[in-house]
Amino acid sequence: MTLITDFIAELYRAANEIDRLTTVEKRRLLERAAHTIVDMEEQLGNVADQRSHRLAAELLKLTDMALDGVPDVLIGHGFLEAADAIRRLKILADSQ
C-alpha cells in the first residue's frame, strides 16, 4: 500500500474508533487530512474539484471546534468525508 492508501485506512479506522482517540489525536488527524487534500489539489492543478477545497476548509474549522467539545459523531463524519475526498483525488492523480 502507498502512504495515501495507508492514510485513508487510518481515517476510516479513526472514525470507527473515535471514542479511543484523544482530542489532540483528533485534531492532528483532521489537520493532516486537510493539508493532504490541499497538497493533492495543488499537484493536480485545475483537475481538482472545488468540493475538495471546501472540505479542506471545513476540516480546519472542525479542528478548531474539536477543543470546544464538538460531538464525536461530527468529527467521525469529518474523517469519513476526508477519506472519501483523498480517495477521489488519488483516483484522479492515478488517471493522469
N, C-alpha and C. Protein backbone atom coordinates (compact mmCIF):
# COMPACT_ATOMS: atom_id res chain seq x y z
N MET A 1 0.83 -1.18 0.00
CA MET A 1 0.00 0.00 0.00
C MET A 1 0.88 1.25 0.00
N THR A 2 0.32 2.31 -0.52
CA THR A 2 1.05 3.57 -0.55
C THR A 2 0.74 4.37 0.71
N LEU A 3 1.45 5.47 0.87
CA LEU A 3 1.20 6.34 2.01
C LEU A 3 -0.22 6.87 2.00
N ILE A 4 -0.72 7.19 0.81
CA ILE A 4 -2.07 7.74 0.70
C ILE A 4 -3.11 6.69 1.10
N THR A 5 -2.98 5.48 0.59
CA THR A 5 -3.95 4.45 0.94
C THR A 5 -3.85 4.08 2.43
N ASP A 6 -2.65 4.13 2.97
CA ASP A 6 -2.49 3.90 4.41
C ASP A 6 -3.21 4.98 5.21
N PHE A 7 -3.10 6.23 4.75
CA PHE A 7 -3.75 7.32 5.46
C PHE A 7 -5.27 7.22 5.35
N ILE A 8 -5.77 6.83 4.19
CA ILE A 8 -7.21 6.63 4.03
C ILE A 8 -7.70 5.57 5.02
N ALA A 9 -6.97 4.47 5.11
CA ALA A 9 -7.33 3.41 6.06
C ALA A 9 -7.27 3.92 7.50
N GLU A 10 -6.30 4.76 7.80
CA GLU A 10 -6.18 5.33 9.14
C GLU A 10 -7.38 6.22 9.48
N LEU A 11 -7.85 6.98 8.50
CA LEU A 11 -9.02 7.83 8.72
C LEU A 11 -10.27 6.99 8.97
N TYR A 12 -10.46 5.92 8.20
CA TYR A 12 -11.60 5.03 8.43
C TYR A 12 -11.52 4.37 9.81
N ARG A 13 -10.34 3.93 10.16
CA ARG A 13 -10.14 3.29 11.46
C ARG A 13 -10.44 4.30 12.59
N ALA A 14 -9.96 5.53 12.42
CA ALA A 14 -10.20 6.56 13.44
C ALA A 14 -11.69 6.86 13.58
N ALA A 15 -12.41 6.89 12.47
CA ALA A 15 -13.85 7.14 12.52
C ALA A 15 -14.57 6.02 13.27
N ASN A 16 -14.11 4.80 13.11
CA ASN A 16 -14.74 3.66 13.77
C ASN A 16 -14.34 3.52 15.23
N GLU A 17 -13.20 4.11 15.59
CA GLU A 17 -12.71 4.02 16.97
C GLU A 17 -12.58 5.40 17.59
N ILE A 18 -13.48 6.29 17.26
CA ILE A 18 -13.39 7.69 17.67
C ILE A 18 -13.34 7.86 19.18
N ASP A 19 -14.00 6.98 19.90
CA ASP A 19 -14.03 7.09 21.36
C ASP A 19 -12.68 6.77 22.00
N ARG A 20 -11.79 6.17 21.27
CA ARG A 20 -10.47 5.82 21.80
C ARG A 20 -9.43 6.92 21.56
N LEU A 21 -9.78 7.93 20.77
CA LEU A 21 -8.83 8.98 20.42
C LEU A 21 -8.89 10.14 21.40
N THR A 22 -7.74 10.72 21.65
CA THR A 22 -7.71 11.93 22.47
C THR A 22 -8.05 13.13 21.58
N THR A 23 -8.34 14.24 22.21
CA THR A 23 -8.64 15.46 21.45
C THR A 23 -7.47 15.86 20.57
N VAL A 24 -6.27 15.72 21.08
CA VAL A 24 -5.08 16.07 20.30
C VAL A 24 -4.95 15.16 19.08
N GLU A 25 -5.20 13.88 19.24
CA GLU A 25 -5.13 12.95 18.10
C GLU A 25 -6.18 13.29 17.05
N LYS A 26 -7.38 13.64 17.50
CA LYS A 26 -8.44 14.03 16.57
C LYS A 26 -8.03 15.26 15.77
N ARG A 27 -7.53 16.25 16.48
CA ARG A 27 -7.10 17.50 15.82
C ARG A 27 -5.99 17.24 14.80
N ARG A 28 -5.01 16.44 15.20
CA ARG A 28 -3.89 16.17 14.29
C ARG A 28 -4.35 15.44 13.03
N LEU A 29 -5.25 14.48 13.18
CA LEU A 29 -5.77 13.76 12.01
C LEU A 29 -6.56 14.69 11.09
N LEU A 30 -7.38 15.55 11.68
CA LEU A 30 -8.15 16.50 10.87
C LEU A 30 -7.24 17.46 10.12
N GLU A 31 -6.23 17.98 10.82
CA GLU A 31 -5.28 18.89 10.18
C GLU A 31 -4.51 18.19 9.07
N ARG A 32 -4.06 16.98 9.36
CA ARG A 32 -3.32 16.21 8.37
C ARG A 32 -4.17 15.93 7.14
N ALA A 33 -5.43 15.61 7.36
CA ALA A 33 -6.34 15.35 6.25
C ALA A 33 -6.54 16.60 5.41
N ALA A 34 -6.76 17.73 6.06
CA ALA A 34 -6.97 18.98 5.33
C ALA A 34 -5.73 19.34 4.51
N HIS A 35 -4.57 19.22 5.10
CA HIS A 35 -3.33 19.55 4.38
C HIS A 35 -3.05 18.56 3.25
N THR A 36 -3.40 17.31 3.46
CA THR A 36 -3.23 16.31 2.40
C THR A 36 -4.12 16.64 1.21
N ILE A 37 -5.35 17.03 1.48
CA ILE A 37 -6.28 17.40 0.41
C ILE A 37 -5.75 18.59 -0.37
N VAL A 38 -5.30 19.62 0.34
CA VAL A 38 -4.77 20.81 -0.32
C VAL A 38 -3.53 20.47 -1.15
N ASP A 39 -2.64 19.67 -0.60
CA ASP A 39 -1.42 19.28 -1.33
C ASP A 39 -1.75 18.49 -2.58
N MET A 40 -2.70 17.57 -2.47
CA MET A 40 -3.07 16.77 -3.64
C MET A 40 -3.73 17.64 -4.71
N GLU A 41 -4.55 18.60 -4.27
CA GLU A 41 -5.18 19.51 -5.24
C GLU A 41 -4.13 20.32 -5.98
N GLU A 42 -3.13 20.79 -5.26
CA GLU A 42 -2.06 21.57 -5.89
C GLU A 42 -1.31 20.74 -6.91
N GLN A 43 -1.09 19.47 -6.61
CA GLN A 43 -0.40 18.60 -7.55
C GLN A 43 -1.22 18.35 -8.80
N LEU A 44 -2.55 18.32 -8.64
CA LEU A 44 -3.42 18.05 -9.78
C LEU A 44 -3.69 19.29 -10.62
N GLY A 45 -3.47 20.46 -10.06
CA GLY A 45 -3.73 21.68 -10.81
C GLY A 45 -5.22 21.93 -10.97
N ASN A 46 -5.65 22.24 -12.17
CA ASN A 46 -7.04 22.60 -12.44
C ASN A 46 -7.99 21.40 -12.47
N VAL A 47 -7.46 20.20 -12.39
CA VAL A 47 -8.30 19.00 -12.47
C VAL A 47 -9.14 18.81 -11.21
N ALA A 48 -8.61 19.24 -10.07
CA ALA A 48 -9.30 19.02 -8.80
C ALA A 48 -10.61 19.81 -8.74
N ASP A 49 -11.58 19.24 -8.04
CA ASP A 49 -12.87 19.92 -7.93
C ASP A 49 -12.90 20.84 -6.70
N GLN A 50 -13.81 21.77 -6.73
CA GLN A 50 -13.94 22.73 -5.63
C GLN A 50 -14.50 22.09 -4.36
N ARG A 51 -15.18 20.97 -4.51
CA ARG A 51 -15.75 20.29 -3.34
C ARG A 51 -14.64 19.89 -2.37
N SER A 52 -13.54 19.40 -2.89
CA SER A 52 -12.42 19.01 -2.03
C SER A 52 -11.82 20.21 -1.32
N HIS A 53 -11.73 21.32 -2.05
CA HIS A 53 -11.16 22.54 -1.46
C HIS A 53 -12.04 23.05 -0.31
N ARG A 54 -13.35 23.04 -0.51
CA ARG A 54 -14.27 23.47 0.55
C ARG A 54 -14.20 22.52 1.74
N LEU A 55 -14.06 21.23 1.47
CA LEU A 55 -13.96 20.25 2.55
C LEU A 55 -12.71 20.51 3.39
N ALA A 56 -11.60 20.82 2.75
CA ALA A 56 -10.36 21.09 3.49
C ALA A 56 -10.57 22.27 4.44
N ALA A 57 -11.25 23.31 3.97
CA ALA A 57 -11.53 24.46 4.83
C ALA A 57 -12.44 24.07 5.99
N GLU A 58 -13.44 23.24 5.71
CA GLU A 58 -14.34 22.79 6.77
C GLU A 58 -13.62 21.92 7.79
N LEU A 59 -12.68 21.11 7.33
CA LEU A 59 -11.92 20.27 8.26
C LEU A 59 -11.08 21.12 9.20
N LEU A 60 -10.52 22.20 8.67
CA LEU A 60 -9.73 23.08 9.53
C LEU A 60 -10.62 23.79 10.55
N LYS A 61 -11.83 24.14 10.17
CA LYS A 61 -12.78 24.72 11.13
C LYS A 61 -13.13 23.69 12.20
N LEU A 62 -13.35 22.46 11.77
CA LEU A 62 -13.68 21.38 12.70
C LEU A 62 -12.52 21.13 13.66
N THR A 63 -11.31 21.31 13.18
CA THR A 63 -10.13 21.16 14.02
C THR A 63 -10.18 22.14 15.18
N ASP A 64 -10.54 23.39 14.88
CA ASP A 64 -10.66 24.39 15.94
C ASP A 64 -11.79 24.06 16.90
N MET A 65 -12.87 23.51 16.38
CA MET A 65 -14.03 23.18 17.20
C MET A 65 -13.78 21.95 18.07
N ALA A 66 -12.81 21.13 17.72
CA ALA A 66 -12.55 19.90 18.48
C ALA A 66 -12.20 20.22 19.93
N LEU A 67 -11.55 21.33 20.16
CA LEU A 67 -11.21 21.72 21.52
C LEU A 67 -12.44 22.17 22.31
N ASP A 68 -13.46 22.62 21.59
CA ASP A 68 -14.67 23.12 22.25
C ASP A 68 -15.67 22.02 22.56
N GLY A 69 -15.28 20.79 22.35
CA GLY A 69 -16.13 19.67 22.71
C GLY A 69 -17.21 19.33 21.69
N VAL A 70 -16.90 19.54 20.41
CA VAL A 70 -17.86 19.16 19.37
C VAL A 70 -18.11 17.65 19.47
N PRO A 71 -19.32 17.20 19.21
CA PRO A 71 -19.62 15.76 19.34
C PRO A 71 -18.72 14.89 18.45
N ASP A 72 -18.38 13.73 18.97
CA ASP A 72 -17.53 12.80 18.23
C ASP A 72 -18.12 12.39 16.90
N VAL A 73 -19.45 12.35 16.82
CA VAL A 73 -20.09 11.94 15.57
C VAL A 73 -19.73 12.91 14.44
N LEU A 74 -19.60 14.19 14.74
CA LEU A 74 -19.22 15.16 13.71
C LEU A 74 -17.76 14.99 13.29
N ILE A 75 -16.92 14.73 14.26
CA ILE A 75 -15.52 14.52 13.94
C ILE A 75 -15.36 13.23 13.13
N GLY A 76 -16.06 12.19 13.53
CA GLY A 76 -16.01 10.94 12.78
C GLY A 76 -16.50 11.12 11.35
N HIS A 77 -17.55 11.91 11.19
CA HIS A 77 -18.05 12.21 9.85
C HIS A 77 -17.00 12.98 9.05
N GLY A 78 -16.30 13.88 9.71
CA GLY A 78 -15.21 14.61 9.05
C GLY A 78 -14.12 13.67 8.57
N PHE A 79 -13.79 12.68 9.39
CA PHE A 79 -12.79 11.68 8.99
C PHE A 79 -13.24 10.93 7.73
N LEU A 80 -14.50 10.53 7.71
CA LEU A 80 -15.02 9.77 6.57
C LEU A 80 -15.07 10.63 5.30
N GLU A 81 -15.50 11.88 5.45
CA GLU A 81 -15.54 12.78 4.29
C GLU A 81 -14.12 13.03 3.76
N ALA A 82 -13.18 13.19 4.66
CA ALA A 82 -11.80 13.41 4.25
C ALA A 82 -11.25 12.19 3.53
N ALA A 83 -11.52 11.01 4.06
CA ALA A 83 -11.06 9.78 3.42
C ALA A 83 -11.62 9.66 2.02
N ASP A 84 -12.89 9.99 1.85
CA ASP A 84 -13.52 9.93 0.53
C ASP A 84 -12.90 10.93 -0.43
N ALA A 85 -12.66 12.15 0.04
CA ALA A 85 -12.06 13.18 -0.81
C ALA A 85 -10.64 12.79 -1.23
N ILE A 86 -9.87 12.27 -0.30
CA ILE A 86 -8.50 11.87 -0.61
C ILE A 86 -8.50 10.70 -1.59
N ARG A 87 -9.43 9.78 -1.40
CA ARG A 87 -9.55 8.65 -2.34
C ARG A 87 -9.88 9.14 -3.75
N ARG A 88 -10.83 10.07 -3.86
CA ARG A 88 -11.19 10.63 -5.17
C ARG A 88 -9.99 11.33 -5.82
N LEU A 89 -9.27 12.12 -5.02
CA LEU A 89 -8.12 12.83 -5.56
C LEU A 89 -7.03 11.86 -5.98
N LYS A 90 -6.87 10.76 -5.24
CA LYS A 90 -5.87 9.75 -5.62
C LYS A 90 -6.25 9.11 -6.95
N ILE A 91 -7.54 8.82 -7.14
CA ILE A 91 -8.00 8.24 -8.41
C ILE A 91 -7.72 9.21 -9.55
N LEU A 92 -8.00 10.49 -9.33
CA LEU A 92 -7.70 11.50 -10.35
C LEU A 92 -6.20 11.55 -10.66
N ALA A 93 -5.39 11.52 -9.62
CA ALA A 93 -3.94 11.57 -9.82
C ALA A 93 -3.44 10.33 -10.56
N ASP A 94 -3.99 9.17 -10.23
CA ASP A 94 -3.57 7.94 -10.90
C ASP A 94 -3.98 7.89 -12.35
N SER A 95 -5.06 8.59 -12.69
CA SER A 95 -5.55 8.56 -14.07
C SER A 95 -4.78 9.50 -14.99
N GLN A 96 -3.97 10.35 -14.40
CA GLN A 96 -3.19 11.28 -15.23
C GLN A 96 -1.89 10.69 -15.68
